[in-house]
Each structure stands twice: as structure tokens, then as C-alpha cells.
């Protein structure tokens, strides 16, 4: 199926299964969005307030930008094994200082996420999601 725009509010959950797609963006306002399908470049996932959770089960199919990512929000990189000793994260600011790329590496895998806004590497920490994946948290 297709999710076209919309807002996931606190306590709410939306799941876009494999084969599905997100169009016209998505807003997470304290709820959880699980994306196993695709979300192409030009789309935006907006965090609106703290407590949002974006779970990405198909990293290869996620090319959208992420905006509003802040304290209390998290991005779950499912299938991206957490490693206390081997995981790294770096943020490279674009020349415009209005966006950049967060790169998470570990266990032979690399994930690159486009984040709108001005950030630095120290804004992000990595943790286990308790299910074999890696959480990216804003600090």
C-alpha cells in the first residue's frame, strides 16, 4: 500500500510494509513510524516535538530527508547490528549549513541519512535497540 502524507501522534503507530511506499512526506509527533518499504529522495520525515521514533527496516529503500530530529527522538536502524566497540557516527555539514549527512558505520555496514538543520557529530549517540539493531539518539 501507499501512505500519503499524514501525522503519527503520541502513542500512535504506522507501518509501511515491504513493497509499500511513503509519498508526500510524514510527520512524527511522539508516535512511531516503521518503514519497511520505500521513501524516495524529495520526501521528508518531520519530527514535531519529542518522543518520536522512526524505525527503518529497509535502509536501502530510504532516501528521504529527516527534519526536526531533536532531544527525545530516535531513529532505529533495524538489521544494523549495534557494536559497543566498533560502531561510529559522523555528521558532515553541507556547505549551506542547512543540512548534512549522518553516517553510521559498524559491522561492515554503513548507513547514510540526510538531516535538515545544522548539527555536529556530538549531537548523536548510538545504542542497542534491544532487538539486534542500532538506535541513533539526539543528545
Protein backbone atom coordinates (compact mmCIF):
# COMPACT_ATOMS: atom_id res chain seq x y z
CA UNK A 1 0.00 0.00 0.00
CA UNK A 2 0.87 3.67 -0.02
CA UNK A 3 0.94 6.16 2.85
CA UNK A 4 0.44 9.67 1.51
CA UNK A 5 1.32 12.38 3.99
CA UNK A 6 -0.10 12.34 7.49
CA UNK A 7 0.92 12.65 11.12
CA UNK A 8 1.65 9.90 13.65
CA UNK A 9 0.76 11.28 17.10
CA UNK A 10 1.92 10.24 20.56
CA UNK A 11 1.04 6.61 21.22
CA UNK A 12 0.21 6.08 17.53
CA UNK A 13 1.97 3.79 15.09
CA UNK A 14 2.12 3.48 11.32
CA UNK A 15 3.75 0.60 9.49
CA UNK A 16 4.66 0.75 5.81
CA UNK A 17 5.42 -2.85 4.93
CA UNK A 18 7.87 -4.20 2.37
CA UNK A 19 6.59 -3.31 -1.10
CA UNK A 20 4.77 -0.25 0.24
CA UNK A 21 5.85 3.37 -0.09
CA UNK A 22 5.52 6.73 1.61
CA UNK A 23 4.55 9.68 -0.58
CA UNK A 24 4.10 13.37 0.30
CA UNK A 25 6.17 13.09 3.48
CA UNK A 26 5.34 12.02 7.00
CA UNK A 27 5.22 13.81 10.37
CA UNK A 28 6.07 12.03 13.62
CA UNK A 29 4.69 13.81 16.69
CA UNK A 30 5.60 11.46 19.52
CA UNK A 31 4.46 8.31 17.72
CA UNK A 32 6.26 5.54 15.85
CA UNK A 33 6.70 5.12 12.10
CA UNK A 34 8.05 1.76 10.91
CA UNK A 35 9.17 1.88 7.29
CA UNK A 36 10.00 -1.46 5.68
CA UNK A 37 9.01 -0.19 2.24
CA UNK A 38 10.46 2.81 0.45
CA UNK A 39 10.60 6.56 0.84
CA UNK A 40 12.39 8.25 -2.04
CA UNK A 41 14.53 11.36 -2.29
CA UNK A 42 12.50 14.56 -2.23
CA UNK A 43 10.32 13.30 0.62
CA UNK A 44 10.74 14.48 4.23
CA UNK A 45 10.12 12.79 7.57
CA UNK A 46 9.42 15.58 10.07
CA UNK A 47 9.82 15.11 13.81
CA UNK A 48 7.41 17.50 15.57
CA UNK A 49 8.22 17.52 19.27
CA UNK A 50 9.98 14.97 21.47
CA UNK A 51 9.38 11.24 21.72
CA UNK A 52 9.22 10.31 18.04
CA UNK A 53 10.57 7.00 16.79
CA UNK A 54 11.47 6.34 13.15
CA UNK A 55 12.23 2.65 12.55
CA UNK A 56 13.96 1.95 9.24
CA UNK A 57 13.86 -1.73 8.34
CA UNK A 58 14.87 -1.12 4.70
CA UNK A 59 17.84 1.26 4.73
CA UNK A 60 18.48 0.75 1.02
CA UNK A 61 14.95 1.96 0.24
CA UNK A 62 15.07 5.07 2.43
CA UNK A 63 16.36 8.21 0.65
CA UNK A 64 14.14 10.84 2.29
CA UNK A 65 15.47 13.74 4.34
CA UNK A 66 14.80 13.95 8.07
CA UNK A 67 13.96 17.26 9.75
CA UNK A 68 13.26 18.33 13.33
CA UNK A 69 15.24 15.43 14.81
CA UNK A 70 15.89 16.51 18.40
CA UNK A 71 16.08 15.59 22.07
CA UNK A 72 13.84 12.63 22.91
CA UNK A 73 13.62 11.38 19.31
CA UNK A 74 15.29 8.26 17.94
CA UNK A 75 15.95 6.51 14.66
CA UNK A 76 16.07 2.72 14.79
CA UNK A 77 18.35 1.21 12.14
CA UNK A 78 16.86 -2.28 12.10
CA UNK A 79 19.16 -5.04 10.90
CA UNK A 80 22.15 -2.77 11.55
CA UNK A 81 23.82 -4.64 14.41
CA UNK A 82 24.91 -2.49 17.35
CA UNK A 83 28.54 -2.79 18.40
CA UNK A 84 29.84 -1.04 21.51
CA UNK A 85 33.43 -1.13 20.28
CA UNK A 86 33.00 -0.95 16.51
CA UNK A 87 30.17 1.48 15.83
CA UNK A 88 30.91 5.02 14.68
CA UNK A 89 28.86 8.03 13.71
CA UNK A 90 29.92 11.19 11.89
CA UNK A 91 27.99 14.22 10.72
CA UNK A 92 29.17 16.14 7.66
CA UNK A 93 27.56 19.57 7.34
CA UNK A 94 26.65 20.72 3.83
CA UNK A 95 28.20 23.97 2.59
CA UNK A 96 24.84 25.72 3.07
CA UNK A 97 24.83 24.86 6.82
CA UNK A 98 21.15 23.93 6.46
CA UNK A 99 21.55 20.15 6.17
CA UNK A 100 24.12 17.39 6.22
CA UNK A 101 24.74 13.67 6.21
CA UNK A 102 24.83 11.47 9.30
CA UNK A 103 26.89 8.38 8.55
CA UNK A 104 26.70 5.37 10.88
CA UNK A 105 29.22 2.57 10.35
CA UNK A 106 29.79 -0.75 12.05
CA UNK A 107 29.99 -4.45 11.42
CA UNK A 108 30.89 -3.92 7.78
CA UNK A 109 27.75 -1.85 7.11
CA UNK A 110 27.25 1.85 6.51
CA UNK A 111 24.04 3.88 6.70
CA UNK A 112 23.80 7.46 5.45
CA UNK A 113 20.91 9.70 6.49
CA UNK A 114 20.23 13.23 5.27
CA UNK A 115 19.30 15.53 8.15
CA UNK A 116 17.92 19.02 7.66
CA UNK A 117 19.20 21.65 10.09
CA UNK A 118 22.61 22.47 11.48
CA UNK A 119 24.22 19.69 13.52
CA UNK A 120 27.55 18.31 14.71
CA UNK A 121 28.66 14.72 15.33
CA UNK A 122 28.35 15.22 19.10
CA UNK A 123 24.57 15.68 18.72
CA UNK A 124 24.18 11.93 18.14
CA UNK A 125 24.77 8.80 20.21
CA UNK A 126 24.40 5.14 19.29
CA UNK A 127 22.75 2.48 21.44
CA UNK A 128 21.31 -1.01 21.11
CA UNK A 129 17.63 -1.19 20.21
CA UNK A 130 17.35 -4.42 22.22
CA UNK A 131 16.39 -6.41 19.11
CA UNK A 132 19.70 -6.63 17.26
CA UNK A 133 19.59 -3.16 15.68
CA UNK A 134 21.12 0.23 16.39
CA UNK A 135 19.37 3.29 17.80
CA UNK A 136 20.51 6.77 16.83
CA UNK A 137 19.55 9.23 19.55
CA UNK A 138 19.80 13.01 19.61
CA UNK A 139 21.67 14.27 22.67
